[in-house]
Amino acid sequence: IGELAARMNITLSTTSRMVDLLDGSGWITRRPDPADQRASLISP
């Protein structure tokens, strides 16, 4: 999510809400980041 926020030049909180909406719409997949199990990787 932080990388997406940086790429889009928007705040982390806004990006997090947007990712929640994309997830709620069924358009993305979240999976644990192998480098840090506390973080998620987002992809369509």
ModelCIF file with pLDDT and N, C-alpha, C, O atoms, coordinates in Angstrom:
data_MODEL
#
_entry.id   MODEL 
#
_entity.id                         1 
_entity.type                       polymer 
_entity.pdbx_number_of_molecules   1 
#
_entity_poly.entity_id                      1 
_entity_poly.type                           'polypeptide(L)' 
_entity_poly.nstd_linkage                   no 
_entity_poly.nstd_monomer                   no 
_entity_poly.pdbx_seq_one_letter_code       IGELAARMNITLSTTSRMVDLLDGSGWITRRPDPADQRASLISP 
_entity_poly.pdbx_seq_one_letter_code_can   IGELAARMNITLSTTSRMVDLLDGSGWITRRPDPADQRASLISP 
_entity_poly.pdbx_strand_id                 A 
#
loop_
_entity_poly_seq.entity_id 
_entity_poly_seq.num 
_entity_poly_seq.mon_id 
_entity_poly_seq.hetero 
1 1  ILE n 
1 2  GLY n 
1 3  GLU n 
1 4  LEU n 
1 5  ALA n 
1 6  ALA n 
1 7  ARG n 
1 8  MET n 
1 9  ASN n 
1 10 ILE n 
1 11 THR n 
1 12 LEU n 
1 13 SER n 
1 14 THR n 
1 15 THR n 
1 16 SER n 
1 17 ARG n 
1 18 MET n 
1 19 VAL n 
1 20 ASP n 
1 21 LEU n 
1 22 LEU n 
1 23 ASP n 
1 24 GLY n 
1 25 SER n 
1 26 GLY n 
1 27 TRP n 
1 28 ILE n 
1 29 THR n 
1 30 ARG n 
1 31 ARG n 
1 32 PRO n 
1 33 ASP n 
1 34 PRO n 
1 35 ALA n 
1 36 ASP n 
1 37 GLN n 
1 38 ARG n 
1 39 ALA n 
1 40 SER n 
1 41 LEU n 
1 42 ILE n 
1 43 SER n 
1 44 PRO n 
#
_struct_asym.id          A 
_struct_asym.entity_id   1 
#
loop_
_ma_qa_metric.id 
_ma_qa_metric.mode 
_ma_qa_metric.name 
_ma_qa_metric.software_group_id 
_ma_qa_metric.type 
1 global pLDDT . pLDDT 
2 local  pLDDT . pLDDT 
#
_ma_qa_metric_global.metric_id      1 
_ma_qa_metric_global.metric_value   93.89 
_ma_qa_metric_global.model_id       1 
_ma_qa_metric_global.ordinal_id     1 
#
loop_
_ma_qa_metric_local.label_asym_id 
_ma_qa_metric_local.label_comp_id 
_ma_qa_metric_local.label_seq_id 
_ma_qa_metric_local.metric_id 
_ma_qa_metric_local.metric_value 
_ma_qa_metric_local.model_id 
_ma_qa_metric_local.ordinal_id 
A ILE 1  2 95.00 1 1  
A GLY 2  2 94.00 1 2  
A GLU 3  2 94.00 1 3  
A LEU 4  2 95.00 1 4  
A ALA 5  2 94.00 1 5  
A ALA 6  2 91.00 1 6  
A ARG 7  2 90.00 1 7  
A MET 8  2 90.00 1 8  
A ASN 9  2 87.00 1 9  
A ILE 10 2 91.00 1 10 
A THR 11 2 93.00 1 11 
A LEU 12 2 94.00 1 12 
A SER 13 2 95.00 1 13 
A THR 14 2 95.00 1 14 
A THR 15 2 95.00 1 15 
A SER 16 2 95.00 1 16 
A ARG 17 2 95.00 1 17 
A MET 18 2 95.00 1 18 
A VAL 19 2 96.00 1 19 
A ASP 20 2 96.00 1 20 
A LEU 21 2 95.00 1 21 
A LEU 22 2 96.00 1 22 
A ASP 23 2 96.00 1 23 
A GLY 24 2 94.00 1 24 
A SER 25 2 93.00 1 25 
A GLY 26 2 95.00 1 26 
A TRP 27 2 96.00 1 27 
A ILE 28 2 97.00 1 28 
A THR 29 2 97.00 1 29 
A ARG 30 2 96.00 1 30 
A ARG 31 2 95.00 1 31 
A PRO 32 2 94.00 1 32 
A ASP 33 2 93.00 1 33 
A PRO 34 2 93.00 1 34 
A ALA 35 2 91.00 1 35 
A ASP 36 2 91.00 1 36 
A GLN 37 2 87.00 1 37 
A ARG 38 2 90.00 1 38 
A ALA 39 2 91.00 1 39 
A SER 40 2 93.00 1 40 
A LEU 41 2 97.00 1 41 
A ILE 42 2 97.00 1 42 
A SER 43 2 97.00 1 43 
A PRO 44 2 97.00 1 44 
#
loop_
_atom_site.group_PDB 
_atom_site.id 
_atom_site.type_symbol 
_atom_site.label_atom_id 
_atom_site.label_alt_id 
_atom_site.label_comp_id 
_atom_site.label_asym_id 
_atom_site.label_entity_id 
_atom_site.label_seq_id 
_atom_site.pdbx_PDB_ins_code 
_atom_site.Cartn_x 
_atom_site.Cartn_y 
_atom_site.Cartn_z 
_atom_site.occupancy 
_atom_site.B_iso_or_equiv 
_atom_site.pdbx_formal_charge 
_atom_site.auth_seq_id 
_atom_site.auth_comp_id 
_atom_site.auth_asym_id 
_atom_site.auth_atom_id 
_atom_site.pdbx_PDB_model_num 
ATOM 1   N N  . ILE A 1 1  ? 0.831   -1.202  0.000   1.00 95.00 ? 1  ILE A N  1 
ATOM 2   C CA . ILE A 1 1  ? 0.000   0.000   0.000   1.00 95.00 ? 1  ILE A CA 1 
ATOM 3   C C  . ILE A 1 1  ? 0.868   1.256   0.000   1.00 95.00 ? 1  ILE A C  1 
ATOM 4   O O  . ILE A 1 1  ? 0.557   2.218   -0.703  1.00 95.00 ? 1  ILE A O  1 
ATOM 5   N N  . GLY A 1 2  ? 1.941   1.261   0.770   1.00 94.00 ? 2  GLY A N  1 
ATOM 6   C CA . GLY A 1 2  ? 2.834   2.417   0.816   1.00 94.00 ? 2  GLY A CA 1 
ATOM 7   C C  . GLY A 1 2  ? 3.479   2.712   -0.533  1.00 94.00 ? 2  GLY A C  1 
ATOM 8   O O  . GLY A 1 2  ? 3.643   3.872   -0.912  1.00 94.00 ? 2  GLY A O  1 
ATOM 9   N N  . GLU A 1 3  ? 3.844   1.651   -1.255  1.00 94.00 ? 3  GLU A N  1 
ATOM 10  C CA . GLU A 1 3  ? 4.439   1.838   -2.587  1.00 94.00 ? 3  GLU A CA 1 
ATOM 11  C C  . GLU A 1 3  ? 3.403   2.411   -3.555  1.00 94.00 ? 3  GLU A C  1 
ATOM 12  O O  . GLU A 1 3  ? 3.717   3.277   -4.371  1.00 94.00 ? 3  GLU A O  1 
ATOM 13  N N  . LEU A 1 4  ? 2.172   1.924   -3.456  1.00 95.00 ? 4  LEU A N  1 
ATOM 14  C CA . LEU A 1 4  ? 1.107   2.445   -4.306  1.00 95.00 ? 4  LEU A CA 1 
ATOM 15  C C  . LEU A 1 4  ? 0.857   3.915   -3.995  1.00 95.00 ? 4  LEU A C  1 
ATOM 16  O O  . LEU A 1 4  ? 0.691   4.725   -4.907  1.00 95.00 ? 4  LEU A O  1 
ATOM 17  N N  . ALA A 1 5  ? 0.829   4.258   -2.720  1.00 94.00 ? 5  ALA A N  1 
ATOM 18  C CA . ALA A 1 5  ? 0.622   5.651   -2.313  1.00 94.00 ? 5  ALA A CA 1 
ATOM 19  C C  . ALA A 1 5  ? 1.719   6.542   -2.893  1.00 94.00 ? 5  ALA A C  1 
ATOM 20  O O  . ALA A 1 5  ? 1.438   7.621   -3.414  1.00 94.00 ? 5  ALA A O  1 
ATOM 21  N N  . ALA A 1 6  ? 2.959   6.091   -2.802  1.00 91.00 ? 6  ALA A N  1 
ATOM 22  C CA . ALA A 1 6  ? 4.074   6.880   -3.333  1.00 91.00 ? 6  ALA A CA 1 
ATOM 23  C C  . ALA A 1 6  ? 3.980   7.034   -4.849  1.00 91.00 ? 6  ALA A C  1 
ATOM 24  O O  . ALA A 1 6  ? 4.228   8.117   -5.379  1.00 91.00 ? 6  ALA A O  1 
ATOM 25  N N  . ARG A 1 7  ? 3.629   5.973   -5.537  1.00 90.00 ? 7  ARG A N  1 
ATOM 26  C CA . ARG A 1 7  ? 3.519   6.035   -7.003  1.00 90.00 ? 7  ARG A CA 1 
ATOM 27  C C  . ARG A 1 7  ? 2.401   6.979   -7.434  1.00 90.00 ? 7  ARG A C  1 
ATOM 28  O O  . ARG A 1 7  ? 2.513   7.663   -8.451  1.00 90.00 ? 7  ARG A O  1 
ATOM 29  N N  . MET A 1 8  ? 1.322   7.010   -6.654  1.00 90.00 ? 8  MET A N  1 
ATOM 30  C CA . MET A 1 8  ? 0.178   7.851   -7.008  1.00 90.00 ? 8  MET A CA 1 
ATOM 31  C C  . MET A 1 8  ? 0.263   9.243   -6.382  1.00 90.00 ? 8  MET A C  1 
ATOM 32  O O  . MET A 1 8  ? -0.550  10.120  -6.672  1.00 90.00 ? 8  MET A O  1 
ATOM 33  N N  . ASN A 1 9  ? 1.263   9.427   -5.519  1.00 87.00 ? 9  ASN A N  1 
ATOM 34  C CA . ASN A 1 9  ? 1.475   10.704  -4.847  1.00 87.00 ? 9  ASN A CA 1 
ATOM 35  C C  . ASN A 1 9  ? 0.246   11.121  -4.029  1.00 87.00 ? 9  ASN A C  1 
ATOM 36  O O  . ASN A 1 9  ? -0.205  12.265  -4.094  1.00 87.00 ? 9  ASN A O  1 
ATOM 37  N N  . ILE A 1 10 ? -0.277  10.168  -3.265  1.00 91.00 ? 10 ILE A N  1 
ATOM 38  C CA . ILE A 1 10 ? -1.394  10.437  -2.369  1.00 91.00 ? 10 ILE A CA 1 
ATOM 39  C C  . ILE A 1 10 ? -1.054  9.867   -0.992  1.00 91.00 ? 10 ILE A C  1 
ATOM 40  O O  . ILE A 1 10 ? -0.126  9.071   -0.853  1.00 91.00 ? 10 ILE A O  1 
ATOM 41  N N  . THR A 1 11 ? -1.806  10.278  0.013   1.00 93.00 ? 11 THR A N  1 
ATOM 42  C CA . THR A 1 11 ? -1.496  9.861   1.374   1.00 93.00 ? 11 THR A CA 1 
ATOM 43  C C  . THR A 1 11 ? -1.738  8.375   1.567   1.00 93.00 ? 11 THR A C  1 
ATOM 44  O O  . THR A 1 11 ? -2.516  7.744   0.851   1.00 93.00 ? 11 THR A O  1 
ATOM 45  N N  . LEU A 1 12 ? -1.045  7.845   2.557   1.00 94.00 ? 12 LEU A N  1 
ATOM 46  C CA . LEU A 1 12 ? -1.182  6.432   2.881   1.00 94.00 ? 12 LEU A CA 1 
ATOM 47  C C  . LEU A 1 12 ? -2.604  6.106   3.332   1.00 94.00 ? 12 LEU A C  1 
ATOM 48  O O  . LEU A 1 12 ? -3.146  5.062   2.968   1.00 94.00 ? 12 LEU A O  1 
ATOM 49  N N  . SER A 1 13 ? -3.212  6.994   4.122   1.00 95.00 ? 13 SER A N  1 
ATOM 50  C CA . SER A 1 13 ? -4.572  6.723   4.594   1.00 95.00 ? 13 SER A CA 1 
ATOM 51  C C  . SER A 1 13 ? -5.575  6.723   3.443   1.00 95.00 ? 13 SER A C  1 
ATOM 52  O O  . SER A 1 13 ? -6.487  5.896   3.421   1.00 95.00 ? 13 SER A O  1 
ATOM 53  N N  . THR A 1 14 ? -5.420  7.630   2.497   1.00 95.00 ? 14 THR A N  1 
ATOM 54  C CA . THR A 1 14 ? -6.304  7.661   1.324   1.00 95.00 ? 14 THR A CA 1 
ATOM 55  C C  . THR A 1 14 ? -6.114  6.400   0.495   1.00 95.00 ? 14 THR A C  1 
ATOM 56  O O  . THR A 1 14 ? -7.085  5.807   0.026   1.00 95.00 ? 14 THR A O  1 
ATOM 57  N N  . THR A 1 15 ? -4.866  5.992   0.316   1.00 95.00 ? 15 THR A N  1 
ATOM 58  C CA . THR A 1 15 ? -4.573  4.788   -0.451  1.00 95.00 ? 15 THR A CA 1 
ATOM 59  C C  . THR A 1 15 ? -5.142  3.556   0.238   1.00 95.00 ? 15 THR A C  1 
ATOM 60  O O  . THR A 1 15 ? -5.680  2.664   -0.418  1.00 95.00 ? 15 THR A O  1 
ATOM 61  N N  . SER A 1 16 ? -5.024  3.510   1.542   1.00 95.00 ? 16 SER A N  1 
ATOM 62  C CA . SER A 1 16 ? -5.556  2.376   2.289   1.00 95.00 ? 16 SER A CA 1 
ATOM 63  C C  . SER A 1 16 ? -7.073  2.270   2.120   1.00 95.00 ? 16 SER A C  1 
ATOM 64  O O  . SER A 1 16 ? -7.601  1.173   1.932   1.00 95.00 ? 16 SER A O  1 
ATOM 65  N N  . ARG A 1 17 ? -7.771  3.398   2.186   1.00 95.00 ? 17 ARG A N  1 
ATOM 66  C CA . ARG A 1 17 ? -9.231  3.384   1.965   1.00 95.00 ? 17 ARG A CA 1 
ATOM 67  C C  . ARG A 1 17 ? -9.552  2.950   0.540   1.00 95.00 ? 17 ARG A C  1 
ATOM 68  O O  . ARG A 1 17 ? -10.493 2.189   0.310   1.00 95.00 ? 17 ARG A O  1 
ATOM 69  N N  . MET A 1 18 ? -8.771  3.436   -0.405  1.00 95.00 ? 18 MET A N  1 
ATOM 70  C CA . MET A 1 18 ? -9.010  3.082   -1.801  1.00 95.00 ? 18 MET A CA 1 
ATOM 71  C C  . MET A 1 18 ? -8.801  1.584   -2.025  1.00 95.00 ? 18 MET A C  1 
ATOM 72  O O  . MET A 1 18 ? -9.582  0.942   -2.728  1.00 95.00 ? 18 MET A O  1 
ATOM 73  N N  . VAL A 1 19 ? -7.754  1.035   -1.431  1.00 96.00 ? 19 VAL A N  1 
ATOM 74  C CA . VAL A 1 19 ? -7.492  -0.400  -1.559  1.00 96.00 ? 19 VAL A CA 1 
ATOM 75  C C  . VAL A 1 19 ? -8.633  -1.195  -0.931  1.00 96.00 ? 19 VAL A C  1 
ATOM 76  O O  . VAL A 1 19 ? -9.045  -2.223  -1.470  1.00 96.00 ? 19 VAL A O  1 
ATOM 77  N N  . ASP A 1 20 ? -9.143  -0.725  0.203   1.00 96.00 ? 20 ASP A N  1 
ATOM 78  C CA . ASP A 1 20 ? -10.301 -1.396  0.817   1.00 96.00 ? 20 ASP A CA 1 
ATOM 79  C C  . ASP A 1 20 ? -11.500 -1.398  -0.131  1.00 96.00 ? 20 ASP A C  1 
ATOM 80  O O  . ASP A 1 20 ? -12.211 -2.397  -0.237  1.00 96.00 ? 20 ASP A O  1 
ATOM 81  N N  . LEU A 1 21 ? -11.724 -0.271  -0.822  1.00 95.00 ? 21 LEU A N  1 
ATOM 82  C CA . LEU A 1 21 ? -12.838 -0.184  -1.766  1.00 95.00 ? 21 LEU A CA 1 
ATOM 83  C C  . LEU A 1 21 ? -12.614 -1.099  -2.974  1.00 95.00 ? 21 LEU A C  1 
ATOM 84  O O  . LEU A 1 21 ? -13.542 -1.769  -3.427  1.00 95.00 ? 21 LEU A O  1 
ATOM 85  N N  . LEU A 1 22 ? -11.392 -1.124  -3.489  1.00 96.00 ? 22 LEU A N  1 
ATOM 86  C CA . LEU A 1 22 ? -11.077 -2.020  -4.608  1.00 96.00 ? 22 LEU A CA 1 
ATOM 87  C C  . LEU A 1 22 ? -11.259 -3.475  -4.194  1.00 96.00 ? 22 LEU A C  1 
ATOM 88  O O  . LEU A 1 22 ? -11.763 -4.290  -4.966  1.00 96.00 ? 22 LEU A O  1 
ATOM 89  N N  . ASP A 1 23 ? -10.849 -3.792  -2.974  1.00 96.00 ? 23 ASP A N  1 
ATOM 90  C CA . ASP A 1 23 ? -11.006 -5.143  -2.457  1.00 96.00 ? 23 ASP A CA 1 
ATOM 91  C C  . ASP A 1 23 ? -12.490 -5.470  -2.280  1.00 96.00 ? 23 ASP A C  1 
ATOM 92  O O  . ASP A 1 23 ? -12.937 -6.560  -2.637  1.00 96.00 ? 23 ASP A O  1 
ATOM 93  N N  . GLY A 1 24 ? -13.247 -4.523  -1.730  1.00 94.00 ? 24 GLY A N  1 
ATOM 94  C CA . GLY A 1 24 ? -14.677 -4.728  -1.539  1.00 94.00 ? 24 GLY A CA 1 
ATOM 95  C C  . GLY A 1 24 ? -15.430 -4.913  -2.845  1.00 94.00 ? 24 GLY A C  1 
ATOM 96  O O  . GLY A 1 24 ? -16.466 -5.576  -2.882  1.00 94.00 ? 24 GLY A O  1 
ATOM 97  N N  . SER A 1 25 ? -14.912 -4.331  -3.911  1.00 93.00 ? 25 SER A N  1 
ATOM 98  C CA . SER A 1 25 ? -15.522 -4.486  -5.232  1.00 93.00 ? 25 SER A CA 1 
ATOM 99  C C  . SER A 1 25 ? -15.087 -5.781  -5.914  1.00 93.00 ? 25 SER A C  1 
ATOM 100 O O  . SER A 1 25 ? -15.611 -6.147  -6.966  1.00 93.00 ? 25 SER A O  1 
ATOM 101 N N  . GLY A 1 26 ? -14.128 -6.466  -5.306  1.00 95.00 ? 26 GLY A N  1 
ATOM 102 C CA . GLY A 1 26 ? -13.684 -7.745  -5.867  1.00 95.00 ? 26 GLY A CA 1 
ATOM 103 C C  . GLY A 1 26 ? -12.702 -7.609  -7.015  1.00 95.00 ? 26 GLY A C  1 
ATOM 104 O O  . GLY A 1 26 ? -12.625 -8.496  -7.865  1.00 95.00 ? 26 GLY A O  1 
ATOM 105 N N  . TRP A 1 27 ? -11.937 -6.503  -7.059  1.00 96.00 ? 27 TRP A N  1 
ATOM 106 C CA . TRP A 1 27 ? -11.043 -6.248  -8.187  1.00 96.00 ? 27 TRP A CA 1 
ATOM 107 C C  . TRP A 1 27 ? -9.577  -6.508  -7.894  1.00 96.00 ? 27 TRP A C  1 
ATOM 108 O O  . TRP A 1 27 ? -8.754  -6.492  -8.808  1.00 96.00 ? 27 TRP A O  1 
ATOM 109 N N  . ILE A 1 28 ? -9.233  -6.748  -6.621  1.00 97.00 ? 28 ILE A N  1 
ATOM 110 C CA . ILE A 1 28 ? -7.829  -6.969  -6.272  1.00 97.00 ? 28 ILE A CA 1 
ATOM 111 C C  . ILE A 1 28 ? -7.681  -8.207  -5.391  1.00 97.00 ? 28 ILE A C  1 
ATOM 112 O O  . ILE A 1 28 ? -8.646  -8.739  -4.842  1.00 97.00 ? 28 ILE A O  1 
ATOM 113 N N  . THR A 1 29 ? -6.441  -8.632  -5.286  1.00 97.00 ? 29 THR A N  1 
ATOM 114 C CA . THR A 1 29 ? -6.070  -9.722  -4.390  1.00 97.00 ? 29 THR A CA 1 
ATOM 115 C C  . THR A 1 29 ? -5.014  -9.183  -3.440  1.00 97.00 ? 29 THR A C  1 
ATOM 116 O O  . THR A 1 29 ? -4.098  -8.465  -3.842  1.00 97.00 ? 29 THR A O  1 
ATOM 117 N N  . ARG A 1 30 ? -5.161  -9.545  -2.174  1.00 96.00 ? 30 ARG A N  1 
ATOM 118 C CA . ARG A 1 30 ? -4.137  -9.220  -1.172  1.00 96.00 ? 30 ARG A CA 1 
ATOM 119 C C  . ARG A 1 30 ? -3.489  -10.536 -0.748  1.00 96.00 ? 30 ARG A C  1 
ATOM 120 O O  . ARG A 1 30 ? -4.156  -11.545 -0.518  1.00 96.00 ? 30 ARG A O  1 
ATOM 121 N N  . ARG A 1 31 ? -2.176  -10.482 -0.655  1.00 95.00 ? 31 ARG A N  1 
ATOM 122 C CA . ARG A 1 31 ? -1.471  -11.659 -0.147  1.00 95.00 ? 31 ARG A CA 1 
ATOM 123 C C  . ARG A 1 31 ? -0.327  -11.168 0.728   1.00 95.00 ? 31 ARG A C  1 
ATOM 124 O O  . ARG A 1 31 ? 0.171   -10.057 0.543   1.00 95.00 ? 31 ARG A O  1 
ATOM 125 N N  . PRO A 1 32 ? 0.087   -11.993 1.675   1.00 94.00 ? 32 PRO A N  1 
ATOM 126 C CA . PRO A 1 32 ? 1.183   -11.577 2.560   1.00 94.00 ? 32 PRO A CA 1 
ATOM 127 C C  . PRO A 1 32 ? 2.456   -11.311 1.759   1.00 94.00 ? 32 PRO A C  1 
ATOM 128 O O  . PRO A 1 32 ? 2.758   -12.015 0.795   1.00 94.00 ? 32 PRO A O  1 
ATOM 129 N N  . ASP A 1 33 ? 3.184   -10.298 2.170   1.00 93.00 ? 33 ASP A N  1 
ATOM 130 C CA . ASP A 1 33 ? 4.470   -9.988  1.563   1.00 93.00 ? 33 ASP A CA 1 
ATOM 131 C C  . ASP A 1 33 ? 5.484   -10.989 2.107   1.00 93.00 ? 33 ASP A C  1 
ATOM 132 O O  . ASP A 1 33 ? 5.693   -11.040 3.319   1.00 93.00 ? 33 ASP A O  1 
ATOM 133 N N  . PRO A 1 34 ? 6.118   -11.783 1.251   1.00 93.00 ? 34 PRO A N  1 
ATOM 134 C CA . PRO A 1 34 ? 7.084   -12.780 1.748   1.00 93.00 ? 34 PRO A CA 1 
ATOM 135 C C  . PRO A 1 34 ? 8.246   -12.135 2.517   1.00 93.00 ? 34 PRO A C  1 
ATOM 136 O O  . PRO A 1 34 ? 8.847   -12.772 3.383   1.00 93.00 ? 34 PRO A O  1 
ATOM 137 N N  . ALA A 1 35 ? 8.559   -10.879 2.200   1.00 91.00 ? 35 ALA A N  1 
ATOM 138 C CA . ALA A 1 35 ? 9.659   -10.195 2.879   1.00 91.00 ? 35 ALA A CA 1 
ATOM 139 C C  . ALA A 1 35 ? 9.247   -9.670  4.256   1.00 91.00 ? 35 ALA A C  1 
ATOM 140 O O  . ALA A 1 35 ? 10.106  -9.415  5.100   1.00 91.00 ? 35 ALA A O  1 
ATOM 141 N N  . ASP A 1 36 ? 7.950   -9.508  4.490   1.00 91.00 ? 36 ASP A N  1 
ATOM 142 C CA . ASP A 1 36 ? 7.448   -8.981  5.754   1.00 91.00 ? 36 ASP A CA 1 
ATOM 143 C C  . ASP A 1 36 ? 6.008   -9.441  5.922   1.00 91.00 ? 36 ASP A C  1 
ATOM 144 O O  . ASP A 1 36 ? 5.092   -8.852  5.346   1.00 91.00 ? 36 ASP A O  1 
ATOM 145 N N  . GLN A 1 37 ? 5.810   -10.475 6.696   1.00 87.00 ? 37 GLN A N  1 
ATOM 146 C CA . GLN A 1 37 ? 4.480   -11.075 6.843   1.00 87.00 ? 37 GLN A CA 1 
ATOM 147 C C  . GLN A 1 37 ? 3.447   -10.114 7.431   1.00 87.00 ? 37 GLN A C  1 
ATOM 148 O O  . GLN A 1 37 ? 2.247   -10.378 7.349   1.00 87.00 ? 37 GLN A O  1 
ATOM 149 N N  . ARG A 1 38 ? 3.893   -9.001  8.022   1.00 90.00 ? 38 ARG A N  1 
ATOM 150 C CA . ARG A 1 38 ? 2.936   -8.016  8.555   1.00 90.00 ? 38 ARG A CA 1 
ATOM 151 C C  . ARG A 1 38 ? 2.333   -7.167  7.443   1.00 90.00 ? 38 ARG A C  1 
ATOM 152 O O  . ARG A 1 38 ? 1.288   -6.547  7.637   1.00 90.00 ? 38 ARG A O  1 
ATOM 153 N N  . ALA A 1 39 ? 2.971   -7.132  6.295   1.00 91.00 ? 39 ALA A N  1 
ATOM 154 C CA . ALA A 1 39 ? 2.527   -6.305  5.172   1.00 91.00 ? 39 ALA A CA 1 
ATOM 155 C C  . ALA A 1 39 ? 1.843   -7.174  4.119   1.00 91.00 ? 39 ALA A C  1 
ATOM 156 O O  . ALA A 1 39 ? 2.029   -8.390  4.069   1.00 91.00 ? 39 ALA A O  1 
ATOM 157 N N  . SER A 1 40 ? 1.056   -6.518  3.290   1.00 93.00 ? 40 SER A N  1 
ATOM 158 C CA . SER A 1 40 ? 0.366   -7.206  2.193   1.00 93.00 ? 40 SER A CA 1 
ATOM 159 C C  . SER A 1 40 ? 0.851   -6.675  0.855   1.00 93.00 ? 40 SER A C  1 
ATOM 160 O O  . SER A 1 40 ? 1.254   -5.519  0.730   1.00 93.00 ? 40 SER A O  1 
ATOM 161 N N  . LEU A 1 41 ? 0.802   -7.541  -0.129  1.00 97.00 ? 41 LEU A N  1 
ATOM 162 C CA . LEU A 1 41 ? 1.044   -7.151  -1.511  1.00 97.00 ? 41 LEU A CA 1 
ATOM 163 C C  . LEU A 1 41 ? -0.310  -7.131  -2.214  1.00 97.00 ? 41 LEU A C  1 
ATOM 164 O O  . LEU A 1 41 ? -1.110  -8.056  -2.073  1.00 97.00 ? 41 LEU A O  1 
ATOM 165 N N  . ILE A 1 42 ? -0.549  -6.083  -2.959  1.00 97.00 ? 42 ILE A N  1 
ATOM 166 C CA . ILE A 1 42 ? -1.826  -5.883  -3.639  1.00 97.00 ? 42 ILE A CA 1 
ATOM 167 C C  . ILE A 1 42 ? -1.599  -6.015  -5.141  1.00 97.00 ? 42 ILE A C  1 
ATOM 168 O O  . ILE A 1 42 ? -0.631  -5.481  -5.683  1.00 97.00 ? 42 ILE A O  1 
ATOM 169 N N  . SER A 1 43 ? -2.497  -6.727  -5.800  1.00 97.00 ? 43 SER A N  1 
ATOM 170 C CA . SER A 1 43 ? -2.440  -6.826  -7.259  1.00 97.00 ? 43 SER A CA 1 
ATOM 171 C C  . SER A 1 43 ? -3.855  -7.026  -7.786  1.00 97.00 ? 43 SER A C  1 
ATOM 172 O O  . SER A 1 43 ? -4.726  -7.517  -7.067  1.00 97.00 ? 43 SER A O  1 
ATOM 173 N N  . PRO A 1 44 ? -4.086  -6.646  -9.042  1.00 97.00 ? 44 PRO A N  1 
ATOM 174 C CA . PRO A 1 44 ? -5.421  -6.877  -9.606  1.00 97.00 ? 44 PRO A CA 1 
ATOM 175 C C  . PRO A 1 44 ? -5.643  -8.376  -9.801  1.00 97.00 ? 44 PRO A C  1 
ATOM 176 O O  . PRO A 1 44 ? -6.706  -8.787  -10.266 1.00 97.00 ? 44 PRO A O  1 
#
